[in-house]
Amino acid sequence: MASNGLDLACIPILMNQSNYRDWALDVSATARLGGYWKAFLGTNTTTSTDAAELDRIEQCEEKAMGLILKTSSNNLRIELSDYAPTPAAGATGPVPHTAQLYWDYLKAKFEKQDGVSALLDFSSLVKTELAAAAVQFL
């Protein structure tokens, strides 16, 4: 699937900590090539009131969010859509979802793998391998 000439099929689907690093590198490179990396950093802003400039900012944000959602597993997409961060002091209403919010959430969740998560991932792998072996045996 291509978006602005960028092949999203080359990006692995983010499943868990085991493929986060590869996913993050591919998403980062794709966003930079597509010209919307600033949305991930939260610097995709303007003080202009020009409608064309405001539309450009909004389009970059939508592309960045779409890239994250299109390359994440269904479970992670649901998790991201349900995520409701705590509003800043004095803020009213829910915090709007942005590419930076999604990026930071996934980064905090997966970037540093702890020992327990590594064991759980290994346990899932072993169960999968044993289940596959049992099916082949039958």
Protein backbone atom coordinates (compact mmCIF):
# COMPACT_ATOMS: atom_id res chain seq x y z
CA MET A 1 0.00 0.00 0.00
CA ALA A 2 1.48 3.34 -0.96
CA SER A 3 0.88 6.74 0.57
CA ASN A 4 2.41 9.63 -1.35
CA GLY A 5 4.74 7.16 -3.05
CA LEU A 6 5.80 5.58 0.26
CA ASP A 7 5.36 1.81 0.53
CA LEU A 8 3.77 1.06 3.91
CA ALA A 9 3.85 -2.68 3.22
CA CYS A 10 7.57 -2.62 4.01
CA ILE A 11 6.89 -1.51 7.59
CA PRO A 12 6.38 -4.36 10.06
CA ILE A 13 3.14 -4.36 12.02
CA LEU A 14 3.90 -3.39 15.62
CA MET A 15 2.86 -6.30 17.78
CA ASN A 16 4.84 -6.00 21.01
CA GLN A 17 8.26 -5.20 22.42
CA SER A 18 9.96 -7.80 20.27
CA ASN A 19 9.55 -5.79 17.07
CA TYR A 20 9.19 -2.25 18.46
CA ARG A 21 12.70 -1.13 17.54
CA ASP A 22 12.41 -2.20 13.89
CA TRP A 23 8.92 -0.68 13.67
CA ALA A 24 10.01 2.61 15.23
CA LEU A 25 12.98 2.95 12.87
CA ASP A 26 10.80 2.26 9.82
CA VAL A 27 8.02 4.61 10.94
CA SER A 28 10.54 7.34 11.71
CA ALA A 29 12.19 7.03 8.31
CA THR A 30 8.83 6.94 6.51
CA ALA A 31 7.55 10.01 8.35
CA ARG A 32 10.76 11.90 7.58
CA LEU A 33 10.56 10.98 3.89
CA GLY A 34 6.89 11.94 3.82
CA GLY A 35 7.57 15.30 5.44
CA TYR A 36 5.48 14.83 8.57
CA TRP A 37 8.05 13.82 11.23
CA LYS A 38 7.45 17.08 13.13
CA ALA A 39 3.99 15.80 14.08
CA PHE A 40 5.64 12.97 16.01
CA LEU A 41 7.79 15.50 17.87
CA GLY A 42 4.90 17.84 18.63
CA THR A 43 6.54 20.68 16.70
CA ASN A 44 4.06 20.59 13.82
CA THR A 45 2.61 23.97 14.77
CA THR A 46 2.19 27.46 13.41
CA THR A 47 1.14 30.88 14.65
CA SER A 48 -0.23 31.71 11.22
CA THR A 49 -3.93 32.20 10.67
CA ASP A 50 -3.58 31.40 6.97
CA ALA A 51 -6.08 28.68 6.05
CA ALA A 52 -3.64 26.94 3.70
CA GLU A 53 -0.96 26.77 6.40
CA LEU A 54 -3.43 25.50 9.00
CA ASP A 55 -4.63 22.85 6.53
CA ARG A 56 -1.03 21.77 5.86
CA ILE A 57 -0.45 21.36 9.62
CA GLU A 58 -3.65 19.33 9.98
CA GLN A 59 -2.77 17.10 7.00
CA CYS A 60 0.68 16.36 8.46
CA GLU A 61 -0.94 15.41 11.76
CA GLU A 62 -3.46 13.13 10.06
CA LYS A 63 -0.75 11.41 7.98
CA ALA A 64 1.40 10.84 11.06
CA MET A 65 -1.48 9.39 13.07
CA GLY A 66 -2.54 7.27 10.10
CA LEU A 67 0.97 5.87 9.75
CA ILE A 68 1.01 4.77 13.38
CA LEU A 69 -2.46 3.28 13.25
CA LYS A 70 -1.94 1.56 9.88
CA THR A 71 1.25 -0.14 11.09
CA SER A 72 0.03 -1.24 14.55
CA SER A 73 -1.79 -4.44 15.46
CA ASN A 74 -5.55 -4.34 15.97
CA ASN A 75 -5.11 -4.69 19.73
CA LEU A 76 -2.75 -1.71 19.85
CA ARG A 77 -5.11 0.38 17.71
CA ILE A 78 -7.91 -0.28 20.19
CA GLU A 79 -5.59 0.49 23.09
CA LEU A 80 -4.57 3.79 21.48
CA SER A 81 -8.15 4.80 20.72
CA ASP A 82 -9.17 4.04 24.32
CA TYR A 83 -6.17 5.86 25.81
CA ALA A 84 -7.26 8.89 27.83
CA PRO A 85 -4.28 10.74 29.28
CA THR A 86 -4.72 13.01 32.27
CA PRO A 87 -5.33 16.61 31.19
CA ALA A 88 -2.79 19.23 32.23
CA ALA A 89 -3.57 21.29 35.32
CA GLY A 90 -6.24 23.86 34.50
CA ALA A 91 -7.16 22.22 31.18
CA THR A 92 -10.77 21.41 30.46
CA GLY A 93 -12.09 18.52 28.43
CA PRO A 94 -10.30 15.44 27.17
CA VAL A 95 -6.77 15.58 25.80
CA PRO A 96 -6.94 15.42 21.98
CA HIS A 97 -5.26 12.46 20.34
CA THR A 98 -2.21 13.45 18.32
CA ALA A 99 0.61 11.65 16.58
CA GLN A 100 2.95 12.75 19.36
CA LEU A 101 0.61 11.31 22.00
CA TYR A 102 0.46 7.96 20.16
CA TRP A 103 4.22 7.92 19.51
CA ASP A 104 5.09 8.74 23.12
CA TYR A 105 2.60 6.18 24.44
CA LEU A 106 4.03 3.36 22.32
CA LYS A 107 7.58 4.45 23.08
CA ALA A 108 6.92 4.37 26.83
CA LYS A 109 5.17 1.00 26.52
CA PHE A 110 7.74 -0.81 24.39
CA GLU A 111 11.08 0.98 24.17
CA LYS A 112 12.68 -0.50 27.28
CA GLN A 113 11.85 -4.11 27.72
CA ASP A 114 11.86 -5.26 31.32
CA GLY A 115 12.78 -8.75 32.44
CA VAL A 116 9.22 -9.86 33.16
CA SER A 117 7.99 -8.79 29.70
CA ALA A 118 10.87 -10.64 28.07
CA LEU A 119 9.88 -13.80 29.94
CA LEU A 120 6.22 -13.37 28.97
CA ASP A 121 7.17 -12.91 25.30
CA PHE A 122 9.39 -16.00 25.51
CA SER A 123 6.59 -17.95 27.18
CA SER A 124 4.19 -16.98 24.38
CA LEU A 125 6.75 -18.07 21.79
CA VAL A 126 7.26 -21.44 23.47
CA LYS A 127 3.49 -22.02 23.70
CA THR A 128 3.14 -21.16 20.02
CA GLU A 129 5.98 -23.49 19.05
CA LEU A 130 4.56 -26.31 21.17
CA ALA A 131 1.07 -25.79 19.73
CA ALA A 132 2.47 -25.82 16.19
CA ALA A 133 4.42 -29.00 16.94
CA ALA A 134 1.29 -30.65 18.36
CA VAL A 135 -0.70 -29.78 15.24
CA GLN A 136 2.02 -31.22 13.02
CA PHE A 137 2.11 -34.39 15.12
CA LEU A 138 -1.60 -34.94 14.69
